[in-house]
Protein backbone atom coordinates (compact mmCIF):
# COMPACT_ATOMS: atom_id res chain seq x y z
CA UNK A 1 0.77 13.49 -19.65
CA UNK A 2 2.55 16.34 -21.06
CA UNK A 3 2.21 19.74 -22.32
CA UNK A 4 3.68 21.33 -25.32
CA UNK A 5 4.21 25.34 -25.85
CA UNK A 6 5.91 27.77 -28.25
CA UNK A 7 8.23 30.11 -26.59
CA UNK A 8 8.87 33.32 -28.74
CA UNK A 9 12.04 32.04 -30.09
CA UNK A 10 9.82 29.24 -31.86
CA UNK A 11 11.46 26.49 -29.54
CA UNK A 12 8.89 24.15 -28.54
CA UNK A 13 8.77 23.38 -25.23
CA UNK A 14 7.76 20.20 -23.28
CA UNK A 15 6.68 19.55 -19.73
CA UNK A 16 6.53 15.61 -19.17
CA UNK A 17 7.30 13.50 -16.43
CA UNK A 18 10.36 11.60 -16.95
CA UNK A 19 11.01 8.12 -17.93
CA UNK A 20 13.40 5.09 -17.27
CA UNK A 21 15.01 6.22 -20.81
CA UNK A 22 15.90 9.53 -19.35
CA UNK A 23 18.21 9.03 -16.98
CA UNK A 24 21.73 9.44 -18.94
CA UNK A 25 19.89 12.93 -19.87
CA UNK A 26 19.18 13.50 -16.39
CA UNK A 27 22.95 12.56 -15.34
CA UNK A 28 24.52 14.85 -17.89
CA UNK A 29 22.01 17.75 -16.56
CA UNK A 30 22.50 17.13 -13.02
CA UNK A 31 26.39 17.05 -13.95
CA UNK A 32 26.09 20.47 -15.42
CA UNK A 33 24.09 21.83 -12.65
CA UNK A 34 26.45 20.34 -10.35
CA UNK A 35 23.82 18.69 -8.32
CA UNK A 36 22.77 14.98 -7.77
CA UNK A 37 20.60 13.40 -10.35
CA UNK A 38 17.11 12.63 -9.05
CA UNK A 39 16.32 9.08 -8.31
CA UNK A 40 12.44 9.08 -8.13
CA UNK A 41 10.00 10.44 -9.98
CA UNK A 42 10.64 13.76 -11.57
CA UNK A 43 8.88 16.27 -14.05
CA UNK A 44 11.35 17.57 -17.24
CA UNK A 45 11.00 20.39 -19.38
CA UNK A 46 12.27 20.27 -22.85
CA UNK A 47 13.34 22.56 -25.17
CA UNK A 48 14.28 21.98 -28.34
CA UNK A 49 14.31 18.29 -27.93
CA UNK A 50 16.82 18.14 -25.44
CA UNK A 51 15.90 18.13 -21.51
CA UNK A 52 16.97 21.14 -19.69
CA UNK A 53 15.53 21.45 -16.46
CA UNK A 54 13.92 18.88 -13.82
CA UNK A 55 12.30 19.29 -10.63
CA UNK A 56 12.08 15.77 -8.60
CA UNK A 57 8.43 15.57 -7.06
CA UNK A 58 10.14 14.01 -3.98
CA UNK A 59 11.08 17.74 -3.20
CA UNK A 60 14.75 17.50 -3.74
CA UNK A 61 16.47 20.18 -5.84
CA UNK A 62 15.45 21.39 -9.12
CA UNK A 63 18.19 21.00 -11.80
CA UNK A 64 18.61 23.28 -14.69
CA UNK A 65 21.47 23.64 -17.35
CA UNK A 66 23.25 26.90 -16.53
CA UNK A 67 24.15 27.53 -20.30
CA UNK A 68 20.50 28.33 -20.90
CA UNK A 69 17.50 30.64 -19.99
CA UNK A 70 15.65 28.89 -17.79
CA UNK A 71 14.01 30.25 -15.07
CA UNK A 72 10.64 30.39 -16.87
CA UNK A 73 10.92 26.75 -17.42
CA UNK A 74 11.40 25.73 -13.97
CA UNK A 75 8.56 27.94 -12.90
CA UNK A 76 6.51 26.10 -15.05
CA UNK A 77 7.52 22.71 -13.28
CA UNK A 78 6.93 24.27 -10.15
CA UNK A 79 3.71 24.94 -10.89
CA UNK A 80 3.10 21.83 -12.89
CA UNK A 81 3.80 19.90 -9.58
CA UNK A 82 1.44 21.69 -7.22
CA UNK A 83 -1.41 20.72 -9.48
CA UNK A 84 -0.25 17.19 -9.77
CA UNK A 85 -0.29 17.32 -5.95
CA UNK A 86 -3.76 18.78 -5.77
């Protein structure tokens, strides 16, 4: 299940589970954030069709594009993860 909303800048945001075809984008994001890419399940935040934040569901470190404002997106991922765990 994915959730979509529009930010004040009209950039479309999508929160969804990672899929196998996201591996390359997750490696790119991990390199930007100087962290390892998640190996298991993860939730992703896409902005404008690009993955800009990822939250591993195994409690690994959050990944976020350091060149974009992602704090609100990370919070959205954490809220969604808590709802999935409940």
